[in-house]
């Protein structure tokens, strides 16, 4: 089987012989479903991270705010560090979600 550059998995299945067309179509179906699931989860994670970052920004606790008392078991001096660590973790989630875009694979599955 000889393929041209830019051939899709469907193209490969159409030009294959023997048992390969069915195998490649099955692979196409499974890969397409997996890519869709990955995109949905990445979108949900990014959306949750954006909400979390927005909450961190809107509800920023000044370092001197101890009047209401620190969270149980957490000293006040750690509140800003906790906020920064949480923000960094949410930024990491957004970065990971953005990297999960798979344009080459999506093009191959067209």
PDB file of N, CA and C in Angstrom:
ATOM      1  N   UNK A   1       0.853  -1.172   0.000  1.00  0.00           N
ATOM      2  CA  UNK A   1       0.000   0.000   0.000  1.00  0.00           C
ATOM      3  C   UNK A   1       0.895   1.229   0.000  1.00  0.00           C
ATOM      4  N   UNK A   2       0.717   2.116  -0.954  1.00  0.00           N
ATOM      5  CA  UNK A   2       1.498   3.335  -1.037  1.00  0.00           C
ATOM      6  C   UNK A   2       0.566   4.504  -0.763  1.00  0.00           C
ATOM      7  N   UNK A   3       1.021   5.408   0.133  1.00  0.00           N
ATOM      8  CA  UNK A   3       0.177   6.544   0.496  1.00  0.00           C
ATOM      9  C   UNK A   3       0.878   7.841   0.162  1.00  0.00           C
ATOM     10  N   UNK A   4       0.078   8.867  -0.010  1.00  0.00           N
ATOM     11  CA  UNK A   4       0.642  10.194  -0.238  1.00  0.00           C
ATOM     12  C   UNK A   4       0.712  10.924   1.097  1.00  0.00           C
ATOM     13  N   UNK A   5       1.559  11.907   1.156  1.00  0.00           N
ATOM     14  CA  UNK A   5       1.669  12.715   2.367  1.00  0.00           C
ATOM     15  C   UNK A   5       0.329  13.406   2.604  1.00  0.00           C
ATOM     16  N   UNK A   6      -0.097  13.426   3.819  1.00  0.00           N
ATOM     17  CA  UNK A   6      -1.374  14.047   4.146  1.00  0.00           C
ATOM     18  C   UNK A   6      -2.554  13.103   4.056  1.00  0.00           C
ATOM     19  N   UNK A   7      -2.322  11.827   3.832  1.00  0.00           N
ATOM     20  CA  UNK A   7      -3.416  10.860   3.766  1.00  0.00           C
ATOM     21  C   UNK A   7      -4.038  10.707   5.149  1.00  0.00           C
ATOM     22  N   UNK A   8      -5.335  10.561   5.164  1.00  0.00           N
ATOM     23  CA  UNK A   8      -6.038  10.354   6.425  1.00  0.00           C
ATOM     24  C   UNK A   8      -6.150   8.857   6.695  1.00  0.00           C
ATOM     25  N   UNK A   9      -6.577   8.529   7.899  1.00  0.00           N
ATOM     26  CA  UNK A   9      -6.766   7.123   8.229  1.00  0.00           C
ATOM     27  C   UNK A   9      -7.873   6.522   7.363  1.00  0.00           C
ATOM     28  N   UNK A  10      -8.860   7.303   7.023  1.00  0.00           N
ATOM     29  CA  UNK A  10      -9.915   6.829   6.118  1.00  0.00           C
ATOM     30  C   UNK A  10      -9.349   6.549   4.721  1.00  0.00           C
ATOM     31  N   UNK A  11      -8.442   7.431   4.278  1.00  0.00           N
ATOM     32  CA  UNK A  11      -7.790   7.211   2.975  1.00  0.00           C
ATOM     33  C   UNK A  11      -7.013   5.896   2.991  1.00  0.00           C
ATOM     34  N   UNK A  12      -6.287   5.670   4.087  1.00  0.00           N
ATOM     35  CA  UNK A  12      -5.509   4.440   4.213  1.00  0.00           C
ATOM     36  C   UNK A  12      -6.423   3.217   4.195  1.00  0.00           C
ATOM     37  N   UNK A  13      -7.547   3.312   4.908  1.00  0.00           N
ATOM     38  CA  UNK A  13      -8.498   2.195   4.940  1.00  0.00           C
ATOM     39  C   UNK A  13      -9.080   1.942   3.547  1.00  0.00           C
ATOM     40  N   UNK A  14      -9.358   3.026   2.821  1.00  0.00           N
ATOM     41  CA  UNK A  14      -9.954   2.880   1.490  1.00  0.00           C
ATOM     42  C   UNK A  14      -8.988   2.247   0.497  1.00  0.00           C
ATOM     43  N   UNK A  15      -7.693   2.467   0.682  1.00  0.00           N
ATOM     44  CA  UNK A  15      -6.737   1.926  -0.278  1.00  0.00           C
ATOM     45  C   UNK A  15      -6.119   0.602   0.180  1.00  0.00           C
ATOM     46  N   UNK A  16      -6.468   0.156   1.359  1.00  0.00           N
ATOM     47  CA  UNK A  16      -5.894  -1.084   1.889  1.00  0.00           C
ATOM     48  C   UNK A  16      -6.598  -2.305   1.295  1.00  0.00           C
ATOM     49  N   UNK A  17      -5.939  -3.450   1.432  1.00  0.00           N
ATOM     50  CA  UNK A  17      -6.513  -4.708   0.955  1.00  0.00           C
ATOM     51  C   UNK A  17      -6.542  -5.713   2.099  1.00  0.00           C
ATOM     52  N   UNK A  18      -7.210  -6.808   1.856  1.00  0.00           N
ATOM     53  CA  UNK A  18      -7.275  -7.870   2.853  1.00  0.00           C
ATOM     54  C   UNK A  18      -8.084  -7.434   4.066  1.00  0.00           C
ATOM     55  N   UNK A  19      -7.635  -7.811   5.254  1.00  0.00           N
ATOM     56  CA  UNK A  19      -8.397  -7.474   6.455  1.00  0.00           C
ATOM     57  C   UNK A  19      -8.177  -6.025   6.910  1.00  0.00           C
ATOM     58  N   UNK A  20      -7.222  -5.313   6.297  1.00  0.00           N
ATOM     59  CA  UNK A  20      -6.832  -3.993   6.778  1.00  0.00           C
ATOM     60  C   UNK A  20      -7.917  -2.926   6.710  1.00  0.00           C
ATOM     61  N   UNK A  21      -8.774  -2.879   5.697  1.00  0.00           N
ATOM     62  CA  UNK A  21      -9.806  -1.837   5.697  1.00  0.00           C
ATOM     63  C   UNK A  21     -10.675  -1.869   6.960  1.00  0.00           C
ATOM     64  N   UNK A  22     -11.117  -3.053   7.348  1.00  0.00           N
ATOM     65  CA  UNK A  22     -11.964  -3.160   8.547  1.00  0.00           C
ATOM     66  C   UNK A  22     -11.180  -2.799   9.804  1.00  0.00           C
ATOM     67  N   UNK A  23      -9.939  -3.263   9.888  1.00  0.00           N
ATOM     68  CA  UNK A  23      -9.101  -2.967  11.057  1.00  0.00           C
ATOM     69  C   UNK A  23      -8.872  -1.457  11.169  1.00  0.00           C
ATOM     70  N   UNK A  24      -8.545  -0.826  10.055  1.00  0.00           N
ATOM     71  CA  UNK A  24      -8.274   0.615  10.076  1.00  0.00           C
ATOM     72  C   UNK A  24      -9.538   1.425  10.368  1.00  0.00           C
ATOM     73  N   UNK A  25     -10.696   0.983   9.865  1.00  0.00           N
ATOM     74  CA  UNK A  25     -11.954   1.665  10.188  1.00  0.00           C
ATOM     75  C   UNK A  25     -12.255   1.540  11.674  1.00  0.00           C
ATOM     76  N   UNK A  26     -12.027   0.360  12.238  1.00  0.00           N
ATOM     77  CA  UNK A  26     -12.224   0.174  13.683  1.00  0.00           C
ATOM     78  C   UNK A  26     -11.294   1.096  14.478  1.00  0.00           C
ATOM     79  N   UNK A  27     -10.041   1.171  14.058  1.00  0.00           N
ATOM     80  CA  UNK A  27      -9.085   2.061  14.723  1.00  0.00           C
ATOM     81  C   UNK A  27      -9.540   3.516  14.615  1.00  0.00           C
ATOM     82  N   UNK A  28     -10.056   3.877  13.443  1.00  0.00           N
ATOM     83  CA  UNK A  28     -10.547   5.235  13.248  1.00  0.00           C
ATOM     84  C   UNK A  28     -11.670   5.545  14.230  1.00  0.00           C
ATOM     85  N   UNK A  29     -12.614   4.627  14.354  1.00  0.00           N
ATOM     86  CA  UNK A  29     -13.743   4.844  15.264  1.00  0.00           C
ATOM     87  C   UNK A  29     -13.273   5.007  16.707  1.00  0.00           C
ATOM     88  N   UNK A  30     -12.399   4.124  17.147  1.00  0.00           N
ATOM     89  CA  UNK A  30     -11.920   4.169  18.532  1.00  0.00           C
ATOM     90  C   UNK A  30     -11.093   5.430  18.779  1.00  0.00           C
ATOM     91  N   UNK A  31     -10.175   5.743  17.874  1.00  0.00           N
ATOM     92  CA  UNK A  31      -9.350   6.939  18.043  1.00  0.00           C
ATOM     93  C   UNK A  31     -10.196   8.213  18.035  1.00  0.00           C
ATOM     94  N   UNK A  32     -11.187   8.254  17.179  1.00  0.00           N
ATOM     95  CA  UNK A  32     -12.072   9.426  17.126  1.00  0.00           C
ATOM     96  C   UNK A  32     -12.812   9.618  18.439  1.00  0.00           C
ATOM     97  N   UNK A  33     -13.316   8.529  19.004  1.00  0.00           N
ATOM     98  CA  UNK A  33     -14.001   8.627  20.304  1.00  0.00           C
ATOM     99  C   UNK A  33     -13.038   9.078  21.399  1.00  0.00           C
ATOM    100  N   UNK A  34     -11.827   8.537  21.412  1.00  0.00           N
ATOM    101  CA  UNK A  34     -10.845   8.920  22.431  1.00  0.00           C
ATOM    102  C   UNK A  34     -10.453  10.387  22.311  1.00  0.00           C
ATOM    103  N   UNK A  35     -10.245  10.863  21.096  1.00  0.00           N
ATOM    104  CA  UNK A  35      -9.906  12.276  20.902  1.00  0.00           C
ATOM    105  C   UNK A  35     -11.050  13.154  21.402  1.00  0.00           C
ATOM    106  N   UNK A  36     -12.279  12.769  21.115  1.00  0.00           N
ATOM    107  CA  UNK A  36     -13.431  13.542  21.589  1.00  0.00           C
ATOM    108  C   UNK A  36     -13.490  13.575  23.113  1.00  0.00           C
ATOM    109  N   UNK A  37     -13.261  12.431  23.746  1.00  0.00           N
ATOM    110  CA  UNK A  37     -13.270  12.378  25.210  1.00  0.00           C
ATOM    111  C   UNK A  37     -12.162  13.245  25.792  1.00  0.00           C
ATOM    112  N   UNK A  38     -10.972  13.180  25.207  1.00  0.00           N
ATOM    113  CA  UNK A  38      -9.850  13.993  25.690  1.00  0.00           C
ATOM    114  C   UNK A  38     -10.180  15.478  25.561  1.00  0.00           C
ATOM    115  N   UNK A  39     -10.766  15.871  24.442  1.00  0.00           N
ATOM    116  CA  UNK A  39     -11.117  17.280  24.237  1.00  0.00           C
ATOM    117  C   UNK A  39     -12.159  17.746  25.250  1.00  0.00           C
ATOM    118  N   UNK A  40     -13.154  16.916  25.539  1.00  0.00           N
ATOM    119  CA  UNK A  40     -14.189  17.280  26.500  1.00  0.00           C
ATOM    120  C   UNK A  40     -13.582  17.443  27.889  1.00  0.00           C
ATOM    121  N   UNK A  41     -12.767  16.489  28.316  1.00  0.00           N
ATOM    122  CA  UNK A  41     -12.161  16.552  29.645  1.00  0.00           C
ATOM    123  C   UNK A  41     -11.204  17.741  29.738  1.00  0.00           C
ATOM    124  N   UNK A  42     -10.417  17.978  28.691  1.00  0.00           N
ATOM    125  CA  UNK A  42      -9.505  19.131  28.696  1.00  0.00           C
ATOM    126  C   UNK A  42     -10.291  20.429  28.807  1.00  0.00           C
ATOM    127  N   UNK A  43     -11.398  20.534  28.086  1.00  0.00           N
ATOM    128  CA  UNK A  43     -12.239  21.733  28.156  1.00  0.00           C
ATOM    129  C   UNK A  43     -12.824  21.904  29.558  1.00  0.00           C
ATOM    130  N   UNK A  44     -13.317  20.826  30.137  1.00  0.00           N
ATOM    131  CA  UNK A  44     -13.879  20.897  31.491  1.00  0.00           C
ATOM    132  C   UNK A  44     -12.815  21.292  32.509  1.00  0.00           C
ATOM    133  N   UNK A  45     -11.622  20.719  32.394  1.00  0.00           N
ATOM    134  CA  UNK A  45     -10.538  21.059  33.310  1.00  0.00           C
ATOM    135  C   UNK A  45     -10.127  22.520  33.171  1.00  0.00           C
ATOM    136  N   UNK A  46     -10.019  22.986  31.927  1.00  0.00           N
ATOM    137  CA  UNK A  46      -9.650  24.383  31.700  1.00  0.00           C
ATOM    138  C   UNK A  46     -10.717  25.321  32.247  1.00  0.00           C
ATOM    139  N   UNK A  47     -11.968  24.969  32.040  1.00  0.00           N
ATOM    140  CA  UNK A  47     -13.066  25.795  32.546  1.00  0.00           C
ATOM    141  C   UNK A  47     -13.026  25.855  34.072  1.00  0.00           C
ATOM    142  N   UNK A  48     -12.803  24.719  34.713  1.00  0.00           N
ATOM    143  CA  UNK A  48     -12.699  24.692  36.173  1.00  0.00           C
ATOM    144  C   UNK A  48     -11.507  25.497  36.671  1.00  0.00           C
ATOM    145  N   UNK A  49     -10.389  25.420  35.963  1.00  0.00           N
ATOM    146  CA  UNK A  49      -9.196  26.176  36.346  1.00  0.00           C
ATOM    147  C   UNK A  49      -9.447  27.680  36.202  1.00  0.00           C
ATOM    148  N   UNK A  50     -10.137  28.084  35.130  1.00  0.00           N
ATOM    149  CA  UNK A  50     -10.447  29.511  34.952  1.00  0.00           C
ATOM    150  C   UNK A  50     -11.345  30.020  36.069  1.00  0.00           C
ATOM    151  N   UNK A  51     -12.327  29.219  36.439  1.00  0.00           N
ATOM    152  CA  UNK A  51     -13.216  29.596  37.548  1.00  0.00           C
ATOM    153  C   UNK A  51     -12.406  29.722  38.833  1.00  0.00           C
ATOM    154  N   UNK A  52     -11.526  28.759  39.082  1.00  0.00           N
ATOM    155  CA  UNK A  52     -10.692  28.805  40.279  1.00  0.00           C
ATOM    156  C   UNK A  52      -9.789  30.027  40.305  1.00  0.00           C
ATOM    157  N   UNK A  53      -9.167  30.350  39.175  1.00  0.00           N
ATOM    158  CA  UNK A  53      -8.312  31.539  39.107  1.00  0.00           C
ATOM    159  C   UNK A  53      -9.127  32.808  39.311  1.00  0.00           C
ATOM    160  N   UNK A  54     -10.319  32.840  38.740  1.00  0.00           N
ATOM    161  CA  UNK A  54     -11.191  33.996  38.917  1.00  0.00           C
ATOM    162  C   UNK A  54     -11.552  34.159  40.396  1.00  0.00           C
ATOM    163  N   UNK A  55     -11.880  33.076  41.056  1.00  0.00           N
ATOM    164  CA  UNK A  55     -12.206  33.141  42.485  1.00  0.00           C
ATOM    165  C   UNK A  55     -11.003  33.612  43.299  1.00  0.00           C
ATOM    166  N   UNK A  56      -9.822  33.127  42.948  1.00  0.00           N
ATOM    167  CA  UNK A  56      -8.613  33.568  43.656  1.00  0.00           C
ATOM    168  C   UNK A  56      -8.398  35.067  43.487  1.00  0.00           C
ATOM    169  N   UNK A  57      -8.664  35.563  42.283  1.00  0.00           N
ATOM    170  CA  UNK A  57      -8.462  36.981  41.999  1.00  0.00           C
ATOM    171  C   UNK A  57      -9.496  37.837  42.715  1.00  0.00           C
ATOM    172  N   UNK A  58     -10.733  37.407  42.695  1.00  0.00           N
ATOM    173  CA  UNK A  58     -11.810  38.207  43.302  1.00  0.00           C
ATOM    174  C   UNK A  58     -11.811  38.146  44.819  1.00  0.00           C
ATOM    175  N   UNK A  59     -11.380  37.048  45.370  1.00  0.00           N
ATOM    176  CA  UNK A  59     -11.455  36.862  46.822  1.00  0.00           C
ATOM    177  C   UNK A  59     -10.072  36.845  47.450  1.00  0.00           C
ATOM    178  N   UNK A  60      -9.225  37.691  46.942  1.00  0.00           N
ATOM    179  CA  UNK A  60      -7.862  37.748  47.468  1.00  0.00           C
ATOM    180  C   UNK A  60      -7.898  38.238  48.911  1.00  0.00           C
ATOM    181  N   UNK A  61      -7.252  37.494  49.771  1.00  0.00           N
ATOM    182  CA  UNK A  61      -7.224  37.816  51.192  1.00  0.00           C
ATOM    183  C   UNK A  61      -5.944  38.590  51.476  1.00  0.00           C
ATOM    184  N   UNK A  62      -6.064  39.837  51.979  1.00  0.00           N
ATOM    185  CA  UNK A  62      -4.856  40.578  52.316  1.00  0.00           C
ATOM    186  C   UNK A  62      -4.073  39.861  53.409  1.00  0.00           C
ATOM    187  N   UNK A  63      -2.763  40.042  53.409  1.00  0.00           N
ATOM    188  CA  UNK A  63      -1.904  39.364  54.380  1.00  0.00           C
ATOM    189  C   UNK A  63      -2.268  39.733  55.802  1.00  0.00           C
ATOM    190  N   UNK A  64      -2.829  40.942  56.012  1.00  0.00           N
ATOM    191  CA  UNK A  64      -3.166  41.383  57.368  1.00  0.00           C
ATOM    192  C   UNK A  64      -4.542  40.906  57.814  1.00  0.00           C
ATOM    193  N   UNK A  65      -5.269  40.243  56.942  1.00  0.00           N
ATOM    194  CA  UNK A  65      -6.638  39.825  57.280  1.00  0.00           C
ATOM    195  C   UNK A  65      -6.602  38.593  58.157  1.00  0.00           C
ATOM    196  N   UNK A  66      -6.709  38.793  59.422  1.00  0.00           N
ATOM    197  CA  UNK A  66      -6.774  37.682  60.340  1.00  0.00           C
ATOM    198  C   UNK A  66      -7.933  37.855  61.281  1.00  0.00           C
ATOM    199  N   UNK A  67      -8.720  38.915  61.044  1.00  0.00           N
ATOM    200  CA  UNK A  67      -9.816  39.234  61.954  1.00  0.00           C
ATOM    201  C   UNK A  67     -10.823  38.103  62.031  1.00  0.00           C
ATOM    202  N   UNK A  68     -11.102  37.500  60.875  1.00  0.00           N
ATOM    203  CA  UNK A  68     -12.067  36.399  60.871  1.00  0.00           C
ATOM    204  C   UNK A  68     -11.423  35.133  61.399  1.00  0.00           C
ATOM    205  N   UNK A  69     -10.128  35.154  61.529  1.00  0.00           N
ATOM    206  CA  UNK A  69      -9.419  33.982  62.026  1.00  0.00           C
ATOM    207  C   UNK A  69      -8.950  33.123  60.887  1.00  0.00           C
ATOM    208  N   UNK A  70      -7.818  32.475  61.049  1.00  0.00           N
ATOM    209  CA  UNK A  70      -7.296  31.611  59.996  1.00  0.00           C
ATOM    210  C   UNK A  70      -8.116  30.347  59.881  1.00  0.00           C
ATOM    211  N   UNK A  71      -8.044  29.675  58.728  1.00  0.00           N
ATOM    212  CA  UNK A  71      -8.712  28.383  58.622  1.00  0.00           C
ATOM    213  C   UNK A  71      -8.163  27.457  59.702  1.00  0.00           C
ATOM    214  N   UNK A  72      -9.002  26.594  60.165  1.00  0.00           N
ATOM    215  CA  UNK A  72      -8.604  25.690  61.233  1.00  0.00           C
ATOM    216  C   UNK A  72      -7.354  24.934  60.844  1.00  0.00           C
ATOM    217  N   UNK A  73      -6.344  25.007  61.713  1.00  0.00           N
ATOM    218  CA  UNK A  73      -5.113  24.277  61.480  1.00  0.00           C
ATOM    219  C   UNK A  73      -4.150  24.957  60.517  1.00  0.00           C
ATOM    220  N   UNK A  74      -4.499  26.143  59.996  1.00  0.00           N
ATOM    221  CA  UNK A  74      -3.643  26.839  59.041  1.00  0.00           C
ATOM    222  C   UNK A  74      -3.273  28.206  59.603  1.00  0.00           C
ATOM    223  N   UNK A  75      -1.997  28.475  59.815  1.00  0.00           N
ATOM    224  CA  UNK A  75      -1.594  29.805  60.274  1.00  0.00           C
ATOM    225  C   UNK A  75      -1.909  30.859  59.223  1.00  0.00           C
ATOM    226  N   UNK A  76      -2.190  32.094  59.674  1.00  0.00           N
ATOM    227  CA  UNK A  76      -2.523  33.187  58.770  1.00  0.00           C
ATOM    228  C   UNK A  76      -1.382  33.432  57.788  1.00  0.00           C
ATOM    229  N   UNK A  77      -0.132  33.333  58.234  1.00  0.00           N
ATOM    230  CA  UNK A  77       0.993  33.656  57.364  1.00  0.00           C
ATOM    231  C   UNK A  77       1.077  32.738  56.144  1.00  0.00           C
ATOM    232  N   UNK A  78       0.403  31.604  56.164  1.00  0.00           N
ATOM    233  CA  UNK A  78       0.424  30.679  55.030  1.00  0.00           C
ATOM    234  C   UNK A  78      -0.688  30.949  54.025  1.00  0.00           C
ATOM    235  N   UNK A  79      -1.607  31.860  54.331  1.00  0.00           N
ATOM    236  CA  UNK A  79      -2.743  32.106  53.438  1.00  0.00           C
ATOM    237  C   UNK A  79      -2.285  32.585  52.070  1.00  0.00           C
ATOM    238  N   UNK A  80      -1.343  33.541  52.030  1.00  0.00           N
ATOM    239  CA  UNK A  80      -0.869  34.046  50.742  1.00  0.00           C
ATOM    240  C   UNK A  80      -0.092  32.973  49.990  1.00  0.00           C
ATOM    241  N   UNK A  81       0.712  32.209  50.684  1.00  0.00           N
ATOM    242  CA  UNK A  81       1.458  31.116  50.051  1.00  0.00           C
ATOM    243  C   UNK A  81       0.501  30.072  49.488  1.00  0.00           C
ATOM    244  N   UNK A  82      -0.536  29.749  50.241  1.00  0.00           N
ATOM    245  CA  UNK A  82      -1.553  28.809  49.749  1.00  0.00           C
ATOM    246  C   UNK A  82      -2.220  29.339  48.486  1.00  0.00           C
ATOM    247  N   UNK A  83      -2.538  30.633  48.495  1.00  0.00           N
ATOM    248  CA  UNK A  83      -3.196  31.248  47.338  1.00  0.00           C
ATOM    249  C   UNK A  83      -2.279  31.191  46.123  1.00  0.00           C
ATOM    250  N   UNK A  84      -0.992  31.505  46.318  1.00  0.00           N
ATOM    251  CA  UNK A  84      -0.038  31.469  45.204  1.00  0.00           C
ATOM    252  C   UNK A  84       0.157  30.046  44.681  1.00  0.00           C
ATOM    253  N   UNK A  85       0.241  29.085  45.574  1.00  0.00           N
ATOM    254  CA  UNK A  85       0.406  27.687  45.156  1.00  0.00           C
ATOM    255  C   UNK A  85      -0.821  27.205  44.393  1.00  0.00           C
ATOM    256  N   UNK A  86      -1.989  27.577  44.868  1.00  0.00           N
ATOM    257  CA  UNK A  86      -3.224  27.193  44.181  1.00  0.00           C
ATOM    258  C   UNK A  86      -3.275  27.830  42.796  1.00  0.00           C
ATOM    259  N   UNK A  87      -2.907  29.101  42.706  1.00  0.00           N
ATOM    260  CA  UNK A  87      -2.881  29.781  41.413  1.00  0.00           C
ATOM    261  C   UNK A  87      -1.910  29.122  40.448  1.00  0.00           C
ATOM    262  N   UNK A  88      -0.737  28.742  40.949  1.00  0.00           N
ATOM    263  CA  UNK A  88       0.246  28.067  40.094  1.00  0.00           C
ATOM    264  C   UNK A  88      -0.284  26.720  39.608  1.00  0.00           C
ATOM    265  N   UNK A  89      -0.957  25.998  40.485  1.00  0.00           N
ATOM    266  CA  UNK A  89      -1.525  24.701  40.095  1.00  0.00           C
ATOM    267  C   UNK A  89      -2.614  24.888  39.037  1.00  0.00           C
ATOM    268  N   UNK A  90      -3.456  25.893  39.204  1.00  0.00           N
ATOM    269  CA  UNK A  90      -4.510  26.147  38.219  1.00  0.00           C
ATOM    270  C   UNK A  90      -3.917  26.606  36.890  1.00  0.00           C
ATOM    271  N   UNK A  91      -2.860  27.410  36.935  1.00  0.00           N
ATOM    272  CA  UNK A  91      -2.166  27.792  35.694  1.00  0.00           C
ATOM    273  C   UNK A  91      -1.600  26.560  34.990  1.00  0.00           C
ATOM    274  N   UNK A  92      -1.074  25.622  35.766  1.00  0.00           N
ATOM    275  CA  UNK A  92      -0.541  24.388  35.184  1.00  0.00           C
ATOM    276  C   UNK A  92      -1.647  23.585  34.505  1.00  0.00           C
ATOM    277  N   UNK A  93      -2.834  23.552  35.113  1.00  0.00           N
ATOM    278  CA  UNK A  93      -3.968  22.851  34.507  1.00  0.00           C
ATOM    279  C   UNK A  93      -4.327  23.500  33.169  1.00  0.00           C
ATOM    280  N   UNK A  94      -4.356  24.823  33.144  1.00  0.00           N
ATOM    281  CA  UNK A  94      -4.671  25.519  31.891  1.00  0.00           C
ATOM    282  C   UNK A  94      -3.625  25.226  30.818  1.00  0.00           C
ATOM    283  N   UNK A  95      -2.354  25.229  31.205  1.00  0.00           N
ATOM    284  CA  UNK A  95      -1.289  24.929  30.248  1.00  0.00           C
ATOM    285  C   UNK A  95      -1.394  23.523  29.703  1.00  0.00           C
ATOM    286  N   UNK A  96      -1.691  22.578  30.570  1.00  0.00           N
ATOM    287  CA  UNK A  96      -1.830  21.184  30.144  1.00  0.00           C
ATOM    288  C   UNK A  96      -3.024  21.027  29.214  1.00  0.00           C
ATOM    289  N   UNK A  97      -4.135  21.656  29.565  1.00  0.00           N
ATOM    290  CA  UNK A  97      -5.332  21.569  28.722  1.00  0.00           C
ATOM    291  C   UNK A  97      -5.059  22.147  27.340  1.00  0.00           C
ATOM    292  N   UNK A  98      -4.305  23.230  27.275  1.00  0.00           N
ATOM    293  CA  UNK A  98      -3.988  23.838  25.984  1.00  0.00           C
ATOM    294  C   UNK A  98      -3.099  22.925  25.140  1.00  0.00           C
ATOM    295  N   UNK A  99      -2.201  22.197  25.790  1.00  0.00           N
ATOM    296  CA  UNK A  99      -1.300  21.307  25.049  1.00  0.00           C
ATOM    297  C   UNK A  99      -2.001  20.043  24.568  1.00  0.00           C
ATOM    298  N   UNK A 100      -3.184  19.772  25.065  1.00  0.00           N
ATOM    299  CA  UNK A 100      -3.891  18.565  24.651  1.00  0.00           C
ATOM    300  C   UNK A 100      -4.572  18.720  23.300  1.00  0.00           C
ATOM    301  N   UNK A 101      -4.471  19.879  22.704  1.00  0.00           N
ATOM    302  CA  UNK A 101      -4.987  20.040  21.356  1.00  0.00           C
ATOM    303  C   UNK A 101      -4.108  19.192  20.445  1.00  0.00           C
ATOM    304  N   UNK A 102      -4.727  18.428  19.575  1.00  0.00           N
ATOM    305  CA  UNK A 102      -3.977  17.502  18.725  1.00  0.00           C
ATOM    306  C   UNK A 102      -4.339  17.723  17.266  1.00  0.00           C
ATOM    307  N   UNK A 103      -3.938  18.855  16.702  1.00  0.00           N
ATOM    308  CA  UNK A 103      -4.374  19.161  15.331  1.00  0.00           C
ATOM    309  C   UNK A 103      -3.918  18.126  14.301  1.00  0.00           C
ATOM    310  N   UNK A 104      -2.717  17.597  14.440  1.00  0.00           N
ATOM    311  CA  UNK A 104      -2.245  16.607  13.461  1.00  0.00           C
ATOM    312  C   UNK A 104      -3.064  15.323  13.534  1.00  0.00           C
ATOM    313  N   UNK A 105      -3.348  14.881  14.750  1.00  0.00           N
ATOM    314  CA  UNK A 105      -4.162  13.659  14.904  1.00  0.00           C
ATOM    315  C   UNK A 105      -5.581  13.893  14.404  1.00  0.00           C
ATOM    316  N   UNK A 106      -6.135  15.045  14.717  1.00  0.00           N
ATOM    317  CA  UNK A 106      -7.493  15.351  14.261  1.00  0.00           C
ATOM    318  C   UNK A 106      -7.545  15.390  12.737  1.00  0.00           C
ATOM    319  N   UNK A 107      -6.529  15.986  12.137  1.00  0.00           N
ATOM    320  CA  UNK A 107      -6.470  16.023  10.665  1.00  0.00           C
ATOM    321  C   UNK A 107      -6.355  14.602  10.095  1.00  0.00           C
ATOM    322  N   UNK A 108      -5.559  13.754  10.731  1.00  0.00           N
ATOM    323  CA  UNK A 108      -5.385  12.370  10.277  1.00  0.00           C
ATOM    324  C   UNK A 108      -6.693  11.584  10.382  1.00  0.00           C
ATOM    325  N   UNK A 109      -7.555  11.957  11.317  1.00  0.00           N
ATOM    326  CA  UNK A 109      -8.804  11.234  11.523  1.00  0.00           C
ATOM    327  C   UNK A 109      -9.972  11.802  10.702  1.00  0.00           C
ATOM    328  N   UNK A 110      -9.760  12.845   9.979  1.00  0.00           N
ATOM    329  CA  UNK A 110     -10.858  13.431   9.178  1.00  0.00           C
ATOM    330  C   UNK A 110     -11.390  12.453   8.170  1.00  0.00           C
TER     331      UNK A 110
END
